[in-house]
Protein backbone atom coordinates (compact mmCIF):
# COMPACT_ATOMS: atom_id res chain seq x y z
CA MET A 1 -15.26 10.77 -6.52
CA LYS A 2 -14.64 7.25 -5.18
CA LEU A 3 -13.23 5.13 -8.06
CA VAL A 4 -13.39 1.38 -7.92
CA THR A 5 -12.43 -1.67 -10.02
CA PHE A 6 -14.78 -4.51 -9.61
CA ASP A 7 -15.75 -7.96 -10.67
CA ASP A 8 -13.74 -8.99 -13.74
CA GLY A 9 -12.06 -5.57 -14.24
CA LEU A 10 -14.99 -3.21 -14.64
CA VAL A 11 -14.45 0.47 -13.58
CA GLY A 12 -16.93 2.53 -11.68
CA ARG A 13 -17.64 5.28 -9.23
CA LEU A 14 -19.41 4.95 -5.90
CA ASP A 15 -22.73 6.67 -5.47
CA GLY A 16 -23.67 5.78 -1.94
CA GLU A 17 -24.29 2.01 -2.02
CA THR A 18 -24.48 1.91 -5.79
CA VAL A 19 -21.65 1.42 -8.28
CA VAL A 20 -22.06 3.43 -11.44
CA GLU A 21 -20.12 1.79 -14.35
CA LEU A 22 -17.77 4.07 -16.30
CA ASP A 23 -16.97 3.63 -19.88
CA VAL A 24 -13.31 3.18 -19.66
CA PRO A 25 -11.19 -0.14 -19.60
CA THR A 26 -9.15 0.65 -16.49
CA THR A 27 -8.61 3.19 -13.82
CA ARG A 28 -5.24 3.97 -15.30
CA ALA A 29 -7.04 4.84 -18.61
CA PHE A 30 -9.39 7.08 -16.53
CA PHE A 31 -6.47 9.17 -15.41
CA GLU A 32 -4.71 9.00 -18.77
CA ARG A 33 -7.92 10.54 -20.20
CA ASP A 34 -7.90 13.21 -17.50
CA GLY A 35 -11.17 11.74 -16.17
CA GLN A 36 -13.03 12.71 -19.31
CA VAL A 37 -14.96 9.46 -19.64
CA GLY A 38 -18.73 8.77 -19.80
CA GLU A 39 -20.96 6.28 -18.10
CA THR A 40 -22.27 3.00 -19.59
CA GLY A 41 -25.69 3.36 -18.09
CA ARG A 42 -25.27 0.24 -15.95
CA THR A 43 -25.43 0.34 -12.21
CA PHE A 44 -24.80 -2.30 -9.61
CA ALA A 45 -25.43 -2.68 -5.93
CA LEU A 46 -22.19 -2.32 -3.99
CA ALA A 47 -23.10 -5.33 -1.85
CA GLU A 48 -23.35 -7.46 -4.93
CA VAL A 49 -19.94 -6.76 -6.61
CA ARG A 50 -16.51 -7.83 -5.70
CA LEU A 51 -14.10 -4.96 -5.33
CA ARG A 52 -10.66 -5.45 -6.80
CA ALA A 53 -7.41 -3.53 -6.39
CA PRO A 54 -8.56 -0.09 -7.59
CA ILE A 55 -5.57 0.41 -9.87
CA VAL A 56 -2.44 -1.30 -11.20
CA PRO A 57 -0.02 1.48 -11.87
CA LYS A 58 2.71 1.48 -14.43
CA LYS A 59 5.17 2.54 -11.67
CA PHE A 60 4.88 2.29 -7.89
CA PHE A 61 7.34 4.56 -6.07
CA HIS A 62 7.92 3.59 -2.46
CA THR A 63 9.07 5.96 0.27
CA ALA A 64 10.35 4.75 3.64
CA GLY A 65 11.29 6.58 6.79
CA ASN A 66 8.98 9.55 6.22
CA PHE A 67 7.37 9.32 9.73
CA ARG A 68 10.10 9.94 12.22
CA GLU A 69 8.08 8.14 14.82
CA HIS A 70 8.53 4.90 12.97
CA HIS A 71 12.33 5.39 12.97
CA GLU A 72 12.37 6.25 16.69
CA ASP A 73 10.16 3.21 17.47
CA LEU A 74 12.70 0.91 15.77
CA VAL A 75 15.62 2.58 17.47
CA ARG A 76 13.92 2.07 20.91
CA VAL A 77 13.90 -1.78 20.26
CA ASP A 78 17.44 -1.77 18.78
CA TRP A 79 16.33 -2.60 15.19
CA SER A 80 19.34 -3.62 13.11
CA HIS A 81 19.34 -0.57 10.88
CA PRO A 82 18.01 3.01 10.90
CA VAL A 83 15.02 3.81 8.77
CA ASN A 84 15.39 7.54 8.13
CA LYS A 85 13.73 9.65 5.48
CA GLY A 86 15.17 9.42 2.01
CA ILE A 87 14.92 5.58 1.48
CA VAL A 88 13.13 5.09 -1.92
CA PHE A 89 12.62 2.07 -4.25
CA PHE A 90 10.17 0.69 -6.66
CA GLN A 91 7.37 -1.63 -5.47
CA ASN A 92 6.43 -4.74 -7.40
CA VAL A 93 3.11 -4.09 -9.19
CA ASP A 94 2.55 -7.92 -9.62
CA ALA A 95 2.30 -8.10 -5.84
CA ILE A 96 -0.76 -5.98 -5.69
CA ILE A 97 -3.98 -7.31 -4.28
CA GLY A 98 -7.29 -5.61 -3.42
CA PRO A 99 -9.71 -5.43 -0.56
CA ASP A 100 -10.66 -8.74 1.15
CA GLU A 101 -8.15 -10.68 -1.03
CA PRO A 102 -5.82 -12.84 1.07
CA VAL A 103 -2.22 -12.13 1.93
CA VAL A 104 -0.48 -15.59 1.50
CA TYR A 105 1.92 -16.41 4.24
CA PRO A 106 5.03 -17.93 2.70
CA ALA A 107 6.31 -19.97 5.76
CA ASN A 108 9.30 -21.28 3.83
CA LEU A 109 10.52 -17.74 3.26
CA THR A 110 9.71 -15.83 6.41
CA ARG A 111 8.75 -16.20 10.09
CA GLU A 112 8.40 -12.48 10.68
CA LEU A 113 5.51 -11.12 8.61
CA ASP A 114 4.75 -7.56 9.50
CA TYR A 115 2.21 -4.89 8.58
CA GLU A 116 2.74 -1.17 7.71
CA LEU A 117 -0.13 1.28 7.24
CA GLU A 118 0.60 3.89 4.66
CA LEU A 119 -1.08 6.59 2.52
CA ALA A 120 -0.57 6.29 -1.19
CA VAL A 121 -0.84 9.15 -3.64
CA VAL A 122 -2.24 8.76 -7.07
CA ILE A 123 -0.59 10.65 -9.95
CA GLY A 124 -3.06 11.98 -12.39
CA LYS A 125 -0.95 13.95 -14.86
CA PRO A 126 2.34 12.82 -16.40
CA GLY A 127 5.42 14.97 -15.68
CA ARG A 128 9.06 15.14 -14.95
CA PHE A 129 11.51 17.54 -13.03
CA PHE A 130 8.86 19.77 -11.36
CA SER A 131 8.77 21.65 -8.08
CA ALA A 132 6.74 21.06 -4.89
CA GLU A 133 4.83 24.17 -5.82
CA GLN A 134 3.81 22.52 -9.12
CA ALA A 135 3.06 19.11 -7.57
CA ALA A 136 -0.64 19.80 -6.86
CA GLU A 137 -1.57 19.71 -10.54
CA HIS A 138 -0.14 16.19 -10.76
CA ILE A 139 -1.95 14.73 -7.64
CA ALA A 140 -5.30 13.08 -8.65
CA GLY A 141 -6.15 11.19 -5.45
CA TYR A 142 -5.35 8.93 -2.50
CA LEU A 143 -5.77 5.41 -1.26
CA VAL A 144 -4.83 3.05 1.58
CA PHE A 145 -1.78 0.83 1.26
CA ASN A 146 -0.62 -1.90 3.63
CA ASP A 147 3.13 -2.54 3.10
CA ILE A 148 3.38 -6.16 4.13
CA THR A 149 7.03 -6.94 5.04
CA ALA A 150 9.13 -9.95 5.86
CA ARG A 151 11.33 -8.48 8.57
CA ASP A 152 13.86 -11.30 8.68
CA ILE A 153 14.58 -10.95 4.94
CA GLN A 154 14.56 -7.11 5.30
CA ARG A 155 17.30 -7.21 7.96
CA LYS A 156 19.54 -9.12 5.60
CA GLU A 157 18.73 -6.81 2.69
CA MET A 158 19.48 -3.79 4.81
CA GLU A 159 23.09 -4.83 5.25
CA SER A 160 23.45 -3.54 1.72
CA GLY A 161 21.56 -0.38 2.40
CA VAL A 162 18.63 -1.36 0.08
CA PHE A 163 15.50 -3.41 0.61
CA SER A 164 12.91 -4.57 -1.85
CA PHE A 165 12.48 -8.37 -1.97
CA SER A 166 11.10 -8.39 1.64
CA LYS A 167 8.17 -6.14 0.51
CA ALA A 168 7.70 -7.46 -3.06
CA ILE A 169 6.58 -11.11 -2.53
CA GLU A 170 3.38 -12.18 -4.13
CA THR A 171 0.26 -10.68 -2.23
CA PHE A 172 2.42 -8.37 -0.15
CA CYS A 173 1.02 -5.24 -1.53
CA PRO A 174 -2.70 -4.71 -0.57
CA ILE A 175 -4.29 -1.36 -1.76
CA GLY A 176 -7.80 -0.01 -1.75
CA PRO A 177 -10.61 -0.25 -1.12
CA TYR A 178 -11.00 2.56 -3.65
CA ILE A 179 -9.34 5.69 -4.99
CA VAL A 180 -10.72 8.95 -3.52
CA THR A 181 -10.03 11.80 -5.83
CA ALA A 182 -8.14 14.84 -4.41
CA ASP A 183 -11.07 17.20 -4.58
CA GLU A 184 -12.87 15.14 -1.86
CA ILE A 185 -9.97 15.28 0.58
CA GLY A 186 -9.60 18.62 2.39
CA ASP A 187 -6.11 18.45 3.84
CA PRO A 188 -4.21 15.22 3.19
CA HIS A 189 -1.77 16.27 5.88
CA ASP A 190 -4.43 15.91 8.62
CA LEU A 191 -5.95 12.50 8.20
CA ASP A 192 -6.26 9.98 11.09
CA MET A 193 -4.65 6.59 10.44
CA GLU A 194 -5.29 3.30 12.26
CA LEU A 195 -4.42 -0.32 11.66
CA ARG A 196 -6.03 -3.18 13.42
CA VAL A 197 -5.19 -6.89 13.65
CA ASN A 198 -8.19 -9.03 14.73
CA GLY A 199 -9.84 -5.87 16.04
CA ASP A 200 -6.86 -4.90 18.22
CA VAL A 201 -5.33 -1.44 17.40
CA ARG A 202 -1.71 -1.82 16.40
CA GLN A 203 -0.93 1.53 14.65
CA LYS A 204 -2.54 4.81 15.30
CA SER A 205 -1.37 8.22 14.17
CA ASN A 206 -2.07 11.14 11.75
CA THR A 207 -0.64 12.19 8.42
CA SER A 208 0.32 15.53 10.01
CA ARG A 209 3.35 13.67 11.42
CA MET A 210 5.09 13.23 8.10
CA SER A 211 8.59 14.70 7.93
CA VAL A 212 8.36 15.45 4.24
CA SER A 213 5.15 16.87 2.76
CA ILE A 214 3.23 15.17 -0.01
CA PRO A 215 4.02 17.96 -2.56
CA GLN A 216 7.73 17.62 -1.65
CA LEU A 217 7.56 13.80 -2.04
CA VAL A 218 5.87 14.10 -5.38
CA ALA A 219 8.36 16.57 -6.69
CA TYR A 220 11.25 14.54 -5.38
CA HIS A 221 10.27 11.49 -7.35
CA SER A 222 9.58 13.51 -10.53
CA PRO A 223 12.99 13.08 -12.18
CA GLN A 224 12.05 9.31 -12.43
CA ILE A 225 9.24 10.44 -14.88
CA TYR A 226 5.57 9.99 -14.00
CA SER A 227 2.82 8.37 -16.04
CA ALA A 228 -0.83 8.94 -15.26
CA GLY A 229 -1.96 6.44 -12.67
CA ASP A 230 1.38 5.89 -11.00
CA LEU A 231 1.48 5.54 -7.16
CA ILE A 232 3.66 6.98 -4.43
CA THR A 233 3.69 5.85 -0.92
CA THR A 234 4.31 8.18 2.10
CA GLY A 235 5.90 5.90 4.63
CA THR A 236 4.44 4.09 7.68
CA ILE A 237 3.73 5.22 11.22
CA ALA A 238 4.76 3.82 14.69
CA GLY A 239 3.48 0.51 15.95
CA VAL A 240 4.70 -2.21 13.54
CA ALA A 241 5.09 -5.63 15.13
CA ALA A 242 8.87 -5.43 14.84
CA SER A 243 8.97 -2.46 17.30
CA THR A 244 6.88 -4.18 20.01
CA ALA A 245 8.29 -5.68 23.18
CA ASP A 246 7.42 -9.15 21.89
CA PRO A 247 7.44 -9.05 18.13
CA PHE A 248 6.79 -12.79 17.62
CA ALA A 249 3.55 -12.37 19.57
CA ASN A 250 2.49 -9.65 17.12
CA TYR A 251 3.77 -10.79 13.70
CA LEU A 252 1.03 -11.81 11.34
CA ARG A 253 -0.05 -15.41 11.15
CA PRO A 254 -2.59 -17.40 9.05
CA GLY A 255 -6.07 -16.77 10.53
CA ASP A 256 -5.37 -13.03 11.20
CA VAL A 257 -7.47 -10.25 9.67
CA VAL A 258 -5.82 -6.92 9.10
CA GLU A 259 -7.89 -3.68 8.71
CA ALA A 260 -5.91 -0.70 7.48
CA GLU A 261 -7.93 2.54 7.71
CA ILE A 262 -7.29 6.15 6.83
CA GLU A 263 -9.81 8.92 7.47
CA GLY A 264 -11.89 9.55 4.36
CA LEU A 265 -10.28 6.77 2.37
CA GLY A 266 -12.16 3.73 3.71
CA ILE A 267 -11.03 0.49 5.32
CA LEU A 268 -8.77 -1.97 3.52
CA ARG A 269 -9.41 -5.37 4.99
CA ASN A 270 -7.33 -8.50 4.21
CA PRO A 271 -7.10 -11.97 5.73
CA VAL A 272 -3.78 -13.73 6.17
CA VAL A 273 -3.93 -17.34 4.92
CA SER A 274 -1.50 -20.26 4.65
CA TRP A 275 -0.15 -21.38 1.29
CA GLN A 276 -2.03 -24.61 1.69
CA ASP A 277 -5.35 -22.80 2.15
CA ALA A 278 -4.58 -20.37 -0.71
CA TYR A 279 -3.52 -22.80 -3.38
CA GLY A 280 -4.45 -26.28 -2.17
CA THR A 281 -0.97 -27.62 -2.40
CA ALA A 282 2.07 -27.86 -0.16
CA GLU A 283 4.33 -24.76 -0.20
CA PRO A 284 7.34 -25.13 -2.47
CA PRO A 285 10.82 -25.11 -0.75
CA ALA A 286 12.84 -21.98 -0.68
CA GLU A 287 16.37 -23.40 -0.39
CA TRP A 288 17.51 -21.12 -3.35
CA GLY A 289 17.30 -18.19 -1.00
CA HIS A 290 19.78 -19.52 1.52
CA PRO A 291 22.97 -18.36 -0.21
CA LEU A 292 21.69 -14.83 -0.08
CA TRP A 293 20.36 -14.60 3.31
CA GLY A 294 21.01 -17.81 5.22
CA ARG A 295 17.99 -19.51 6.91
CA VAL A 296 15.16 -16.93 7.38
C-alpha cells in the first residue's frame, strides 16, 4: 500500500492514479490503529490533489555514517571530521516538508547548502529494548528522505562531536512522496538510490551498501522507546556536494530542483528558493549565531 497525506491533511492510499480517502485523521493514527481503518467512500484524481509530507512522526531518529562509502568520500577530500557509523541524534519534526514544497535557502545562516539522499524506516508498532530478530514486527514501511545540511555550520558543530542544528533548520527535512508499506518491498537491502540536481546525477548507490542492517538499526534505537509512526533514517551514500572536487560549484542554490529517488519508493522532488521568494520579505539577520560558530 502507498499511503499519502494530501490537500489540507486528508489521508489516503494510492490506487494507480486515484487517491482513495481513508477514514483516519493522520497517517500516525493509521499506524496507531495497526492499519485497521475504513474508507470514506471518496476518491480523488491524483493529478488534482496536492501531496503533503506523508507523516509527521512523534520522534525522528537520525542515523549518520551507515554507508562507509560516504565516510570514505569525505576522507578523500579531507573533510574536517570523520563520519563513521554510530552517530545518532533526533531530527526536528517541525522542519519536515513534503513533495514539491520548497527548501528555503537561509543565506544569512549558510553558504554551503548540501543534499543527502537517505532511506527512512517507518515504525508501525510501539516497543522498547528488542532484538534485531524481533525488529521486523515493528517495521511498517519505508519512504524517501533528503537530509538537507548546512555544511559550514556542521563543521563547527562537529568540533563538539555532535551535530543537529545544521540539519534541523526550517524546511531542511523533505520526506515523501508517500509511505510504501513493508509488504510491497521485497528486500529493503537491495534498492537502487539516486539523487539528481537539475537533472544531473549527484548520488547513485544501493541500500545493499549499508554497514549496519535495517533490523540492527531498528533494534539499536529501541531503548529510546518507539511510538507507532516514528521514523528512522539509515544514513546517506557517496556523492554529496561537500565531497566533490569543487563543492561550491555543487552546493544547492535558489533555482535548483532536487530529485531524490529510491527504487519502489518514488521520487521526492523539491525546489530550492530564496527567503525573499518564499516569504516575500527580506531575510532576517543571523548575528545571534556568531558567538557560537563565527561567521558562516
